[in-house]
């Protein structure tokens, strides 16, 4: 299974808003150098959170209405959803540690979200 799945606007509600599992959504574009840099970081984040946080990608160029709805003004932008609610937002490139810290903060330190050894 691919660590990061690309979804489309019609899939957004089902794949993000209706899921109980936490979802990290990245709005990006293939031509953007910052997005290209962040892609490798997101692969690491997806691996670190495997089975606990799903990472999905949306091509902002192909889905401008979705970008407008979620207030995406620049790319890359990461949105973290839990139980279908937006919990955190990161704009621009950042490190794996910063993303994991932001997720941890948004989940109020819930160790089960990020620690594979935590009891479920």
PDB file of N, CA and C in Angstrom:
ATOM      1  N   UNK A   1       0.840  -1.196   0.000  1.00  0.00           N
ATOM      2  CA  UNK A   1       0.000   0.000   0.000  1.00  0.00           C
ATOM      3  C   UNK A   1       0.876   1.247   0.000  1.00  0.00           C
ATOM      4  N   UNK A   2       0.495   2.237  -0.792  1.00  0.00           N
ATOM      5  CA  UNK A   2       1.246   3.483  -0.860  1.00  0.00           C
ATOM      6  C   UNK A   2       1.089   4.251   0.455  1.00  0.00           C
ATOM      7  N   UNK A   3       2.193   4.860   0.931  1.00  0.00           N
ATOM      8  CA  UNK A   3       2.096   5.599   2.188  1.00  0.00           C
ATOM      9  C   UNK A   3       1.238   6.856   2.087  1.00  0.00           C
ATOM     10  N   UNK A   4       1.192   7.454   0.876  1.00  0.00           N
ATOM     11  CA  UNK A   4       0.402   8.669   0.672  1.00  0.00           C
ATOM     12  C   UNK A   4      -0.503   8.438  -0.527  1.00  0.00           C
ATOM     13  N   UNK A   5      -1.793   8.624  -0.310  1.00  0.00           N
ATOM     14  CA  UNK A   5      -2.785   8.390  -1.354  1.00  0.00           C
ATOM     15  C   UNK A   5      -3.282   9.733  -1.867  1.00  0.00           C
ATOM     16  N   UNK A   6      -3.364   9.882  -3.186  1.00  0.00           N
ATOM     17  CA  UNK A   6      -3.925  11.116  -3.754  1.00  0.00           C
ATOM     18  C   UNK A   6      -5.431  10.947  -3.863  1.00  0.00           C
ATOM     19  N   UNK A   7      -6.157  11.932  -3.351  1.00  0.00           N
ATOM     20  CA  UNK A   7      -7.617  11.891  -3.431  1.00  0.00           C
ATOM     21  C   UNK A   7      -8.106  13.094  -4.234  1.00  0.00           C
ATOM     22  N   UNK A   8      -9.356  13.018  -4.641  1.00  0.00           N
ATOM     23  CA  UNK A   8      -9.980  14.073  -5.439  1.00  0.00           C
ATOM     24  C   UNK A   8     -11.088  14.735  -4.638  1.00  0.00           C
ATOM     25  N   UNK A   9     -11.569  15.843  -5.150  1.00  0.00           N
ATOM     26  CA  UNK A   9     -12.640  16.589  -4.482  1.00  0.00           C
ATOM     27  C   UNK A   9     -13.863  15.724  -4.168  1.00  0.00           C
ATOM     28  N   UNK A  10     -14.333  14.893  -5.111  1.00  0.00           N
ATOM     29  CA  UNK A  10     -15.509  14.067  -4.797  1.00  0.00           C
ATOM     30  C   UNK A  10     -15.263  13.072  -3.657  1.00  0.00           C
ATOM     31  N   UNK A  11     -13.984  12.696  -3.441  1.00  0.00           N
ATOM     32  CA  UNK A  11     -13.643  11.730  -2.394  1.00  0.00           C
ATOM     33  C   UNK A  11     -13.436  12.387  -1.029  1.00  0.00           C
ATOM     34  N   UNK A  12     -13.302  13.704  -0.991  1.00  0.00           N
ATOM     35  CA  UNK A  12     -12.877  14.388   0.225  1.00  0.00           C
ATOM     36  C   UNK A  12     -13.798  14.106   1.416  1.00  0.00           C
ATOM     37  N   UNK A  13     -15.092  14.216   1.202  1.00  0.00           N
ATOM     38  CA  UNK A  13     -16.017  14.011   2.319  1.00  0.00           C
ATOM     39  C   UNK A  13     -15.896  12.597   2.878  1.00  0.00           C
ATOM     40  N   UNK A  14     -15.887  11.615   1.987  1.00  0.00           N
ATOM     41  CA  UNK A  14     -15.821  10.220   2.426  1.00  0.00           C
ATOM     42  C   UNK A  14     -14.453   9.869   3.022  1.00  0.00           C
ATOM     43  N   UNK A  15     -13.386  10.330   2.387  1.00  0.00           N
ATOM     44  CA  UNK A  15     -12.029   9.957   2.794  1.00  0.00           C
ATOM     45  C   UNK A  15     -11.483  10.769   3.972  1.00  0.00           C
ATOM     46  N   UNK A  16     -12.048  11.944   4.221  1.00  0.00           N
ATOM     47  CA  UNK A  16     -11.519  12.805   5.284  1.00  0.00           C
ATOM     48  C   UNK A  16     -12.571  13.126   6.341  1.00  0.00           C
ATOM     49  N   UNK A  17     -13.675  13.708   5.924  1.00  0.00           N
ATOM     50  CA  UNK A  17     -14.654  14.219   6.890  1.00  0.00           C
ATOM     51  C   UNK A  17     -15.466  13.134   7.590  1.00  0.00           C
ATOM     52  N   UNK A  18     -15.631  11.990   6.981  1.00  0.00           N
ATOM     53  CA  UNK A  18     -16.432  10.919   7.594  1.00  0.00           C
ATOM     54  C   UNK A  18     -15.600   9.856   8.289  1.00  0.00           C
ATOM     55  N   UNK A  19     -14.311  10.016   8.326  1.00  0.00           N
ATOM     56  CA  UNK A  19     -13.419   9.017   8.920  1.00  0.00           C
ATOM     57  C   UNK A  19     -13.189   9.306  10.393  1.00  0.00           C
ATOM     58  N   UNK A  20     -13.172   8.244  11.178  1.00  0.00           N
ATOM     59  CA  UNK A  20     -12.813   8.371  12.594  1.00  0.00           C
ATOM     60  C   UNK A  20     -11.301   8.489  12.733  1.00  0.00           C
ATOM     61  N   UNK A  21     -10.581   7.785  11.850  1.00  0.00           N
ATOM     62  CA  UNK A  21      -9.124   7.802  11.878  1.00  0.00           C
ATOM     63  C   UNK A  21      -8.615   9.207  11.582  1.00  0.00           C
ATOM     64  N   UNK A  22      -7.604   9.661  12.298  1.00  0.00           N
ATOM     65  CA  UNK A  22      -7.008  10.965  11.984  1.00  0.00           C
ATOM     66  C   UNK A  22      -6.430  10.969  10.573  1.00  0.00           C
ATOM     67  N   UNK A  23      -6.587  12.100   9.893  1.00  0.00           N
ATOM     68  CA  UNK A  23      -6.139  12.244   8.509  1.00  0.00           C
ATOM     69  C   UNK A  23      -5.293  13.506   8.391  1.00  0.00           C
ATOM     70  N   UNK A  24      -4.130  13.370   7.770  1.00  0.00           N
ATOM     71  CA  UNK A  24      -3.289  14.512   7.445  1.00  0.00           C
ATOM     72  C   UNK A  24      -3.428  14.743   5.949  1.00  0.00           C
ATOM     73  N   UNK A  25      -3.960  15.902   5.580  1.00  0.00           N
ATOM     74  CA  UNK A  25      -4.205  16.239   4.178  1.00  0.00           C
ATOM     75  C   UNK A  25      -3.180  17.279   3.743  1.00  0.00           C
ATOM     76  N   UNK A  26      -2.509  17.009   2.637  1.00  0.00           N
ATOM     77  CA  UNK A  26      -1.589  17.992   2.092  1.00  0.00           C
ATOM     78  C   UNK A  26      -2.137  18.529   0.777  1.00  0.00           C
ATOM     79  N   UNK A  27      -2.246  19.841   0.700  1.00  0.00           N
ATOM     80  CA  UNK A  27      -2.624  20.513  -0.540  1.00  0.00           C
ATOM     81  C   UNK A  27      -1.311  20.923  -1.199  1.00  0.00           C
ATOM     82  N   UNK A  28      -1.098  20.437  -2.423  1.00  0.00           N
ATOM     83  CA  UNK A  28       0.172  20.690  -3.088  1.00  0.00           C
ATOM     84  C   UNK A  28      -0.020  20.762  -4.594  1.00  0.00           C
ATOM     85  N   UNK A  29       1.104  20.971  -5.301  1.00  0.00           N
ATOM     86  CA  UNK A  29       1.103  20.971  -6.763  1.00  0.00           C
ATOM     87  C   UNK A  29       2.439  20.401  -7.228  1.00  0.00           C
ATOM     88  N   UNK A  30       2.404  19.650  -8.309  1.00  0.00           N
ATOM     89  CA  UNK A  30       3.603  18.969  -8.803  1.00  0.00           C
ATOM     90  C   UNK A  30       4.709  19.943  -9.200  1.00  0.00           C
ATOM     91  N   UNK A  31       4.367  21.131  -9.678  1.00  0.00           N
ATOM     92  CA  UNK A  31       5.353  22.097 -10.158  1.00  0.00           C
ATOM     93  C   UNK A  31       6.063  22.848  -9.032  1.00  0.00           C
ATOM     94  N   UNK A  32       5.529  22.769  -7.819  1.00  0.00           N
ATOM     95  CA  UNK A  32       6.044  23.557  -6.693  1.00  0.00           C
ATOM     96  C   UNK A  32       7.263  22.897  -6.048  1.00  0.00           C
ATOM     97  N   UNK A  33       8.386  23.593  -6.055  1.00  0.00           N
ATOM     98  CA  UNK A  33       9.602  23.063  -5.412  1.00  0.00           C
ATOM     99  C   UNK A  33       9.390  22.839  -3.909  1.00  0.00           C
ATOM    100  N   UNK A  34       8.770  23.760  -3.163  1.00  0.00           N
ATOM    101  CA  UNK A  34       8.519  23.488  -1.746  1.00  0.00           C
ATOM    102  C   UNK A  34       7.665  22.223  -1.543  1.00  0.00           C
ATOM    103  N   UNK A  35       6.701  21.987  -2.423  1.00  0.00           N
ATOM    104  CA  UNK A  35       5.877  20.775  -2.313  1.00  0.00           C
ATOM    105  C   UNK A  35       6.708  19.531  -2.575  1.00  0.00           C
ATOM    106  N   UNK A  36       7.611  19.605  -3.536  1.00  0.00           N
ATOM    107  CA  UNK A  36       8.492  18.481  -3.839  1.00  0.00           C
ATOM    108  C   UNK A  36       9.382  18.162  -2.643  1.00  0.00           C
ATOM    109  N   UNK A  37       9.880  19.191  -1.995  1.00  0.00           N
ATOM    110  CA  UNK A  37      10.717  19.004  -0.805  1.00  0.00           C
ATOM    111  C   UNK A  37       9.904  18.357   0.310  1.00  0.00           C
ATOM    112  N   UNK A  38       8.688  18.836   0.499  1.00  0.00           N
ATOM    113  CA  UNK A  38       7.843  18.320   1.578  1.00  0.00           C
ATOM    114  C   UNK A  38       7.396  16.878   1.321  1.00  0.00           C
ATOM    115  N   UNK A  39       7.314  16.461   0.056  1.00  0.00           N
ATOM    116  CA  UNK A  39       6.880  15.098  -0.267  1.00  0.00           C
ATOM    117  C   UNK A  39       7.710  14.043   0.455  1.00  0.00           C
ATOM    118  N   UNK A  40       9.033  14.196   0.466  1.00  0.00           N
ATOM    119  CA  UNK A  40       9.879  13.197   1.131  1.00  0.00           C
ATOM    120  C   UNK A  40       9.666  13.216   2.642  1.00  0.00           C
ATOM    121  N   UNK A  41       9.419  14.383   3.187  1.00  0.00           N
ATOM    122  CA  UNK A  41       9.128  14.497   4.625  1.00  0.00           C
ATOM    123  C   UNK A  41       7.810  13.798   4.943  1.00  0.00           C
ATOM    124  N   UNK A  42       6.821  13.972   4.068  1.00  0.00           N
ATOM    125  CA  UNK A  42       5.514  13.346   4.294  1.00  0.00           C
ATOM    126  C   UNK A  42       5.588  11.825   4.222  1.00  0.00           C
ATOM    127  N   UNK A  43       6.466  11.297   3.394  1.00  0.00           N
ATOM    128  CA  UNK A  43       6.665   9.845   3.349  1.00  0.00           C
ATOM    129  C   UNK A  43       7.170   9.363   4.711  1.00  0.00           C
ATOM    130  N   UNK A  44       8.084  10.112   5.316  1.00  0.00           N
ATOM    131  CA  UNK A  44       8.598   9.776   6.647  1.00  0.00           C
ATOM    132  C   UNK A  44       7.502   9.885   7.703  1.00  0.00           C
ATOM    133  N   UNK A  45       6.683  10.924   7.608  1.00  0.00           N
ATOM    134  CA  UNK A  45       5.570  11.102   8.556  1.00  0.00           C
ATOM    135  C   UNK A  45       4.582   9.947   8.411  1.00  0.00           C
ATOM    136  N   UNK A  46       4.255   9.589   7.179  1.00  0.00           N
ATOM    137  CA  UNK A  46       3.323   8.487   6.931  1.00  0.00           C
ATOM    138  C   UNK A  46       3.863   7.186   7.524  1.00  0.00           C
ATOM    139  N   UNK A  47       5.161   6.955   7.379  1.00  0.00           N
ATOM    140  CA  UNK A  47       5.777   5.747   7.938  1.00  0.00           C
ATOM    141  C   UNK A  47       5.738   5.774   9.465  1.00  0.00           C
ATOM    142  N   UNK A  48       6.015   6.936  10.041  1.00  0.00           N
ATOM    143  CA  UNK A  48       6.013   7.064  11.502  1.00  0.00           C
ATOM    144  C   UNK A  48       4.618   6.888  12.096  1.00  0.00           C
ATOM    145  N   UNK A  49       3.602   7.231  11.322  1.00  0.00           N
ATOM    146  CA  UNK A  49       2.217   7.186  11.804  1.00  0.00           C
ATOM    147  C   UNK A  49       1.413   6.035  11.197  1.00  0.00           C
ATOM    148  N   UNK A  50       2.080   5.119  10.509  1.00  0.00           N
ATOM    149  CA  UNK A  50       1.398   4.045   9.783  1.00  0.00           C
ATOM    150  C   UNK A  50       0.370   3.338  10.665  1.00  0.00           C
ATOM    151  N   UNK A  51      -0.854   3.232  10.152  1.00  0.00           N
ATOM    152  CA  UNK A  51      -1.930   2.565  10.875  1.00  0.00           C
ATOM    153  C   UNK A  51      -2.643   3.451  11.881  1.00  0.00           C
ATOM    154  N   UNK A  52      -2.092   4.633  12.133  1.00  0.00           N
ATOM    155  CA  UNK A  52      -2.697   5.512  13.127  1.00  0.00           C
ATOM    156  C   UNK A  52      -3.177   6.824  12.524  1.00  0.00           C
ATOM    157  N   UNK A  53      -2.398   7.378  11.581  1.00  0.00           N
ATOM    158  CA  UNK A  53      -2.772   8.610  10.889  1.00  0.00           C
ATOM    159  C   UNK A  53      -2.613   8.343   9.398  1.00  0.00           C
ATOM    160  N   UNK A  54      -3.674   8.579   8.648  1.00  0.00           N
ATOM    161  CA  UNK A  54      -3.621   8.402   7.201  1.00  0.00           C
ATOM    162  C   UNK A  54      -3.175   9.715   6.579  1.00  0.00           C
ATOM    163  N   UNK A  55      -2.271   9.630   5.607  1.00  0.00           N
ATOM    164  CA  UNK A  55      -1.774  10.810   4.919  1.00  0.00           C
ATOM    165  C   UNK A  55      -2.310  10.785   3.491  1.00  0.00           C
ATOM    166  N   UNK A  56      -2.998  11.864   3.108  1.00  0.00           N
ATOM    167  CA  UNK A  56      -3.540  11.970   1.755  1.00  0.00           C
ATOM    168  C   UNK A  56      -3.077  13.285   1.125  1.00  0.00           C
ATOM    169  N   UNK A  57      -3.066  13.287  -0.207  1.00  0.00           N
ATOM    170  CA  UNK A  57      -2.600  14.447  -0.959  1.00  0.00           C
ATOM    171  C   UNK A  57      -3.706  14.916  -1.898  1.00  0.00           C
ATOM    172  N   UNK A  58      -3.830  16.228  -2.020  1.00  0.00           N
ATOM    173  CA  UNK A  58      -4.774  16.832  -2.958  1.00  0.00           C
ATOM    174  C   UNK A  58      -4.002  17.778  -3.857  1.00  0.00           C
ATOM    175  N   UNK A  59      -4.184  17.629  -5.171  1.00  0.00           N
ATOM    176  CA  UNK A  59      -3.567  18.531  -6.119  1.00  0.00           C
ATOM    177  C   UNK A  59      -4.394  19.819  -6.135  1.00  0.00           C
ATOM    178  N   UNK A  60      -3.821  20.858  -5.566  1.00  0.00           N
ATOM    179  CA  UNK A  60      -4.548  22.133  -5.431  1.00  0.00           C
ATOM    180  C   UNK A  60      -4.903  22.735  -6.785  1.00  0.00           C
ATOM    181  N   UNK A  61      -4.084  22.501  -7.793  1.00  0.00           N
ATOM    182  CA  UNK A  61      -4.376  23.024  -9.133  1.00  0.00           C
ATOM    183  C   UNK A  61      -5.624  22.378  -9.723  1.00  0.00           C
ATOM    184  N   UNK A  62      -5.796  21.092  -9.462  1.00  0.00           N
ATOM    185  CA  UNK A  62      -6.930  20.360 -10.028  1.00  0.00           C
ATOM    186  C   UNK A  62      -8.220  20.531  -9.229  1.00  0.00           C
ATOM    187  N   UNK A  63      -8.107  21.037  -8.000  1.00  0.00           N
ATOM    188  CA  UNK A  63      -9.280  21.147  -7.122  1.00  0.00           C
ATOM    189  C   UNK A  63      -9.346  22.530  -6.453  1.00  0.00           C
ATOM    190  N   UNK A  64      -9.481  23.584  -7.264  1.00  0.00           N
ATOM    191  CA  UNK A  64      -9.485  24.940  -6.699  1.00  0.00           C
ATOM    192  C   UNK A  64     -10.668  25.206  -5.774  1.00  0.00           C
ATOM    193  N   UNK A  65     -11.812  24.574  -6.015  1.00  0.00           N
ATOM    194  CA  UNK A  65     -12.969  24.791  -5.138  1.00  0.00           C
ATOM    195  C   UNK A  65     -12.700  24.247  -3.738  1.00  0.00           C
ATOM    196  N   UNK A  66     -12.071  23.093  -3.670  1.00  0.00           N
ATOM    197  CA  UNK A  66     -11.734  22.501  -2.373  1.00  0.00           C
ATOM    198  C   UNK A  66     -10.705  23.370  -1.650  1.00  0.00           C
ATOM    199  N   UNK A  67      -9.759  23.877  -2.405  1.00  0.00           N
ATOM    200  CA  UNK A  67      -8.769  24.790  -1.821  1.00  0.00           C
ATOM    201  C   UNK A  67      -9.449  26.039  -1.265  1.00  0.00           C
ATOM    202  N   UNK A  68     -10.417  26.557  -1.987  1.00  0.00           N
ATOM    203  CA  UNK A  68     -11.153  27.748  -1.549  1.00  0.00           C
ATOM    204  C   UNK A  68     -11.948  27.465  -0.276  1.00  0.00           C
ATOM    205  N   UNK A  69     -12.633  26.332  -0.241  1.00  0.00           N
ATOM    206  CA  UNK A  69     -13.445  25.956   0.928  1.00  0.00           C
ATOM    207  C   UNK A  69     -12.594  25.896   2.196  1.00  0.00           C
ATOM    208  N   UNK A  70     -11.364  25.359   2.075  1.00  0.00           N
ATOM    209  CA  UNK A  70     -10.516  25.174   3.258  1.00  0.00           C
ATOM    210  C   UNK A  70      -9.510  26.308   3.451  1.00  0.00           C
ATOM    211  N   UNK A  71      -9.670  27.389   2.694  1.00  0.00           N
ATOM    212  CA  UNK A  71      -8.836  28.573   2.906  1.00  0.00           C
ATOM    213  C   UNK A  71      -7.374  28.380   2.556  1.00  0.00           C
ATOM    214  N   UNK A  72      -7.103  27.572   1.542  1.00  0.00           N
ATOM    215  CA  UNK A  72      -5.719  27.337   1.141  1.00  0.00           C
ATOM    216  C   UNK A  72      -5.265  28.525   0.297  1.00  0.00           C
ATOM    217  N   UNK A  73      -4.315  29.297   0.832  1.00  0.00           N
ATOM    218  CA  UNK A  73      -3.843  30.483   0.139  1.00  0.00           C
ATOM    219  C   UNK A  73      -2.456  30.300  -0.450  1.00  0.00           C
ATOM    220  N   UNK A  74      -1.735  29.289   0.029  1.00  0.00           N
ATOM    221  CA  UNK A  74      -0.438  28.977  -0.553  1.00  0.00           C
ATOM    222  C   UNK A  74      -0.166  27.485  -0.345  1.00  0.00           C
ATOM    223  N   UNK A  75       0.751  26.994  -1.144  1.00  0.00           N
ATOM    224  CA  UNK A  75       1.085  25.580  -1.038  1.00  0.00           C
ATOM    225  C   UNK A  75       2.579  25.445  -0.745  1.00  0.00           C
ATOM    226  N   UNK A  76       2.960  24.406  -0.054  1.00  0.00           N
ATOM    227  CA  UNK A  76       2.099  23.379   0.520  1.00  0.00           C
ATOM    228  C   UNK A  76       1.397  23.852   1.786  1.00  0.00           C
ATOM    229  N   UNK A  77       0.224  23.318   1.996  1.00  0.00           N
ATOM    230  CA  UNK A  77      -0.514  23.517   3.248  1.00  0.00           C
ATOM    231  C   UNK A  77      -0.977  22.152   3.728  1.00  0.00           C
ATOM    232  N   UNK A  78      -0.758  21.887   5.011  1.00  0.00           N
ATOM    233  CA  UNK A  78      -1.190  20.644   5.632  1.00  0.00           C
ATOM    234  C   UNK A  78      -2.360  20.920   6.562  1.00  0.00           C
ATOM    235  N   UNK A  79      -3.389  20.098   6.459  1.00  0.00           N
ATOM    236  CA  UNK A  79      -4.533  20.179   7.369  1.00  0.00           C
ATOM    237  C   UNK A  79      -4.634  18.843   8.092  1.00  0.00           C
ATOM    238  N   UNK A  80      -4.782  18.904   9.410  1.00  0.00           N
ATOM    239  CA  UNK A  80      -4.906  17.685  10.211  1.00  0.00           C
ATOM    240  C   UNK A  80      -6.338  17.590  10.733  1.00  0.00           C
ATOM    241  N   UNK A  81      -7.010  16.497  10.380  1.00  0.00           N
ATOM    242  CA  UNK A  81      -8.391  16.262  10.783  1.00  0.00           C
ATOM    243  C   UNK A  81      -8.454  15.082  11.755  1.00  0.00           C
ATOM    244  N   UNK A  82      -9.284  15.210  12.768  1.00  0.00           N
ATOM    245  CA  UNK A  82      -9.584  14.104  13.674  1.00  0.00           C
ATOM    246  C   UNK A  82     -11.096  14.066  13.846  1.00  0.00           C
ATOM    247  N   UNK A  83     -11.665  12.897  13.682  1.00  0.00           N
ATOM    248  CA  UNK A  83     -13.126  12.728  13.736  1.00  0.00           C
ATOM    249  C   UNK A  83     -13.841  13.696  12.800  1.00  0.00           C
ATOM    250  N   UNK A  84     -13.240  13.964  11.644  1.00  0.00           N
ATOM    251  CA  UNK A  84     -13.864  14.817  10.643  1.00  0.00           C
ATOM    252  C   UNK A  84     -13.759  16.306  10.904  1.00  0.00           C
ATOM    253  N   UNK A  85     -13.067  16.690  11.972  1.00  0.00           N
ATOM    254  CA  UNK A  85     -12.933  18.114  12.311  1.00  0.00           C
ATOM    255  C   UNK A  85     -11.502  18.577  12.102  1.00  0.00           C
ATOM    256  N   UNK A  86     -11.358  19.785  11.577  1.00  0.00           N
ATOM    257  CA  UNK A  86     -10.038  20.366  11.398  1.00  0.00           C
ATOM    258  C   UNK A  86      -9.449  20.694  12.764  1.00  0.00           C
ATOM    259  N   UNK A  87      -8.263  20.148  13.032  1.00  0.00           N
ATOM    260  CA  UNK A  87      -7.628  20.351  14.337  1.00  0.00           C
ATOM    261  C   UNK A  87      -6.338  21.162  14.265  1.00  0.00           C
ATOM    262  N   UNK A  88      -5.677  21.147  13.107  1.00  0.00           N
ATOM    263  CA  UNK A  88      -4.403  21.860  12.997  1.00  0.00           C
ATOM    264  C   UNK A  88      -4.120  22.187  11.538  1.00  0.00           C
ATOM    265  N   UNK A  89      -3.310  23.228  11.344  1.00  0.00           N
ATOM    266  CA  UNK A  89      -2.935  23.668   9.998  1.00  0.00           C
ATOM    267  C   UNK A  89      -1.462  24.058  10.019  1.00  0.00           C
ATOM    268  N   UNK A  90      -0.740  23.615   8.990  1.00  0.00           N
ATOM    269  CA  UNK A  90       0.661  23.992   8.820  1.00  0.00           C
ATOM    270  C   UNK A  90       0.803  24.529   7.401  1.00  0.00           C
ATOM    271  N   UNK A  91       1.383  25.715   7.265  1.00  0.00           N
ATOM    272  CA  UNK A  91       1.582  26.323   5.956  1.00  0.00           C
ATOM    273  C   UNK A  91       3.076  26.349   5.661  1.00  0.00           C
ATOM    274  N   UNK A  92       3.446  25.846   4.488  1.00  0.00           N
ATOM    275  CA  UNK A  92       4.849  25.859   4.058  1.00  0.00           C
ATOM    276  C   UNK A  92       5.565  24.564   4.360  1.00  0.00           C
ATOM    277  N   UNK A  93       6.837  24.532   3.989  1.00  0.00           N
ATOM    278  CA  UNK A  93       7.638  23.339   4.251  1.00  0.00           C
ATOM    279  C   UNK A  93       8.039  23.317   5.716  1.00  0.00           C
ATOM    280  N   UNK A  94       8.228  22.121   6.218  1.00  0.00           N
ATOM    281  CA  UNK A  94       8.593  21.956   7.615  1.00  0.00           C
ATOM    282  C   UNK A  94       9.238  20.587   7.792  1.00  0.00           C
ATOM    283  N   UNK A  95       9.678  20.299   8.973  1.00  0.00           N
ATOM    284  CA  UNK A  95      10.351  19.031   9.241  1.00  0.00           C
ATOM    285  C   UNK A  95       9.368  17.965   9.720  1.00  0.00           C
ATOM    286  N   UNK A  96       9.798  16.727   9.637  1.00  0.00           N
ATOM    287  CA  UNK A  96       9.015  15.608  10.157  1.00  0.00           C
ATOM    288  C   UNK A  96       8.702  15.841  11.640  1.00  0.00           C
ATOM    289  N   UNK A  97       9.706  16.258  12.394  1.00  0.00           N
ATOM    290  CA  UNK A  97       9.524  16.475  13.833  1.00  0.00           C
ATOM    291  C   UNK A  97       8.486  17.558  14.111  1.00  0.00           C
ATOM    292  N   UNK A  98       8.499  18.626  13.318  1.00  0.00           N
ATOM    293  CA  UNK A  98       7.527  19.709  13.513  1.00  0.00           C
ATOM    294  C   UNK A  98       6.111  19.230  13.200  1.00  0.00           C
ATOM    295  N   UNK A  99       5.969  18.414  12.157  1.00  0.00           N
ATOM    296  CA  UNK A  99       4.643  17.890  11.808  1.00  0.00           C
ATOM    297  C   UNK A  99       4.149  16.962  12.906  1.00  0.00           C
ATOM    298  N   UNK A 100       5.007  16.065  13.359  1.00  0.00           N
ATOM    299  CA  UNK A 100       4.604  15.135  14.426  1.00  0.00           C
ATOM    300  C   UNK A 100       4.283  15.877  15.720  1.00  0.00           C
ATOM    301  N   UNK A 101       5.035  16.924  16.012  1.00  0.00           N
ATOM    302  CA  UNK A 101       4.763  17.738  17.195  1.00  0.00           C
ATOM    303  C   UNK A 101       3.404  18.424  17.094  1.00  0.00           C
ATOM    304  N   UNK A 102       3.099  18.949  15.910  1.00  0.00           N
ATOM    305  CA  UNK A 102       1.810  19.623  15.696  1.00  0.00           C
ATOM    306  C   UNK A 102       0.658  18.628  15.840  1.00  0.00           C
ATOM    307  N   UNK A 103       0.833  17.422  15.289  1.00  0.00           N
ATOM    308  CA  UNK A 103      -0.197  16.380  15.426  1.00  0.00           C
ATOM    309  C   UNK A 103      -0.362  16.006  16.895  1.00  0.00           C
ATOM    310  N   UNK A 104       0.755  15.833  17.581  1.00  0.00           N
ATOM    311  CA  UNK A 104       0.721  15.481  19.008  1.00  0.00           C
ATOM    312  C   UNK A 104      -0.016  16.554  19.801  1.00  0.00           C
ATOM    313  N   UNK A 105       0.271  17.809  19.487  1.00  0.00           N
ATOM    314  CA  UNK A 105      -0.380  18.929  20.162  1.00  0.00           C
ATOM    315  C   UNK A 105      -1.879  18.948  19.861  1.00  0.00           C
ATOM    316  N   UNK A 106      -2.248  18.659  18.604  1.00  0.00           N
ATOM    317  CA  UNK A 106      -3.664  18.660  18.207  1.00  0.00           C
ATOM    318  C   UNK A 106      -4.433  17.513  18.837  1.00  0.00           C
ATOM    319  N   UNK A 107      -3.728  16.430  19.146  1.00  0.00           N
ATOM    320  CA  UNK A 107      -4.388  15.279  19.778  1.00  0.00           C
ATOM    321  C   UNK A 107      -4.207  15.319  21.292  1.00  0.00           C
ATOM    322  N   UNK A 108      -3.740  16.443  21.779  1.00  0.00           N
ATOM    323  CA  UNK A 108      -3.544  16.651  23.221  1.00  0.00           C
ATOM    324  C   UNK A 108      -2.614  15.604  23.806  1.00  0.00           C
ATOM    325  N   UNK A 109      -1.563  15.269  23.015  1.00  0.00           N
ATOM    326  CA  UNK A 109      -0.557  14.338  23.504  1.00  0.00           C
ATOM    327  C   UNK A 109      -0.989  12.894  23.510  1.00  0.00           C
ATOM    328  N   UNK A 110      -2.043  12.532  22.802  1.00  0.00           N
ATOM    329  CA  UNK A 110      -2.509  11.145  22.751  1.00  0.00           C
ATOM    330  C   UNK A 110      -1.413  10.273  22.162  1.00  0.00           C
ATOM    331  N   UNK A 111      -0.742   9.501  23.011  1.00  0.00           N
ATOM    332  CA  UNK A 111       0.398   8.710  22.565  1.00  0.00           C
ATOM    333  C   UNK A 111       0.003   7.616  21.584  1.00  0.00           C
ATOM    334  N   UNK A 112      -1.240   7.172  21.600  1.00  0.00           N
ATOM    335  CA  UNK A 112      -1.666   6.113  20.683  1.00  0.00           C
ATOM    336  C   UNK A 112      -1.629   6.592  19.234  1.00  0.00           C
ATOM    337  N   UNK A 113      -1.776   7.883  19.019  1.00  0.00           N
ATOM    338  CA  UNK A 113      -1.791   8.407  17.662  1.00  0.00           C
ATOM    339  C   UNK A 113      -0.414   8.292  17.013  1.00  0.00           C
ATOM    340  N   UNK A 114       0.641   8.512  17.762  1.00  0.00           N
ATOM    341  CA  UNK A 114       1.963   8.557  17.160  1.00  0.00           C
ATOM    342  C   UNK A 114       2.914   7.474  17.619  1.00  0.00           C
ATOM    343  N   UNK A 115       2.610   6.772  18.672  1.00  0.00           N
ATOM    344  CA  UNK A 115       3.519   5.765  19.209  1.00  0.00           C
ATOM    345  C   UNK A 115       3.043   4.370  18.849  1.00  0.00           C
ATOM    346  N   UNK A 116       3.781   3.662  18.009  1.00  0.00           N
ATOM    347  CA  UNK A 116       3.350   2.339  17.593  1.00  0.00           C
ATOM    348  C   UNK A 116       3.341   1.327  18.735  1.00  0.00           C
ATOM    349  N   UNK A 117       4.056   1.628  19.823  1.00  0.00           N
ATOM    350  CA  UNK A 117       4.123   0.696  20.938  1.00  0.00           C
ATOM    351  C   UNK A 117       3.069   0.964  22.014  1.00  0.00           C
ATOM    352  N   UNK A 118       2.323   2.053  21.863  1.00  0.00           N
ATOM    353  CA  UNK A 118       1.283   2.377  22.854  1.00  0.00           C
ATOM    354  C   UNK A 118       0.137   1.384  22.745  1.00  0.00           C
ATOM    355  N   UNK A 119      -0.451   1.048  23.856  1.00  0.00           N
ATOM    356  CA  UNK A 119      -1.593   0.127  23.846  1.00  0.00           C
ATOM    357  C   UNK A 119      -2.792   0.836  23.290  1.00  0.00           C
ATOM    358  N   UNK A 120      -3.463   0.171  22.337  1.00  0.00           N
ATOM    359  CA  UNK A 120      -4.633   0.757  21.676  1.00  0.00           C
ATOM    360  C   UNK A 120      -5.847   0.736  22.571  1.00  0.00           C
TER     361      UNK A 120
END
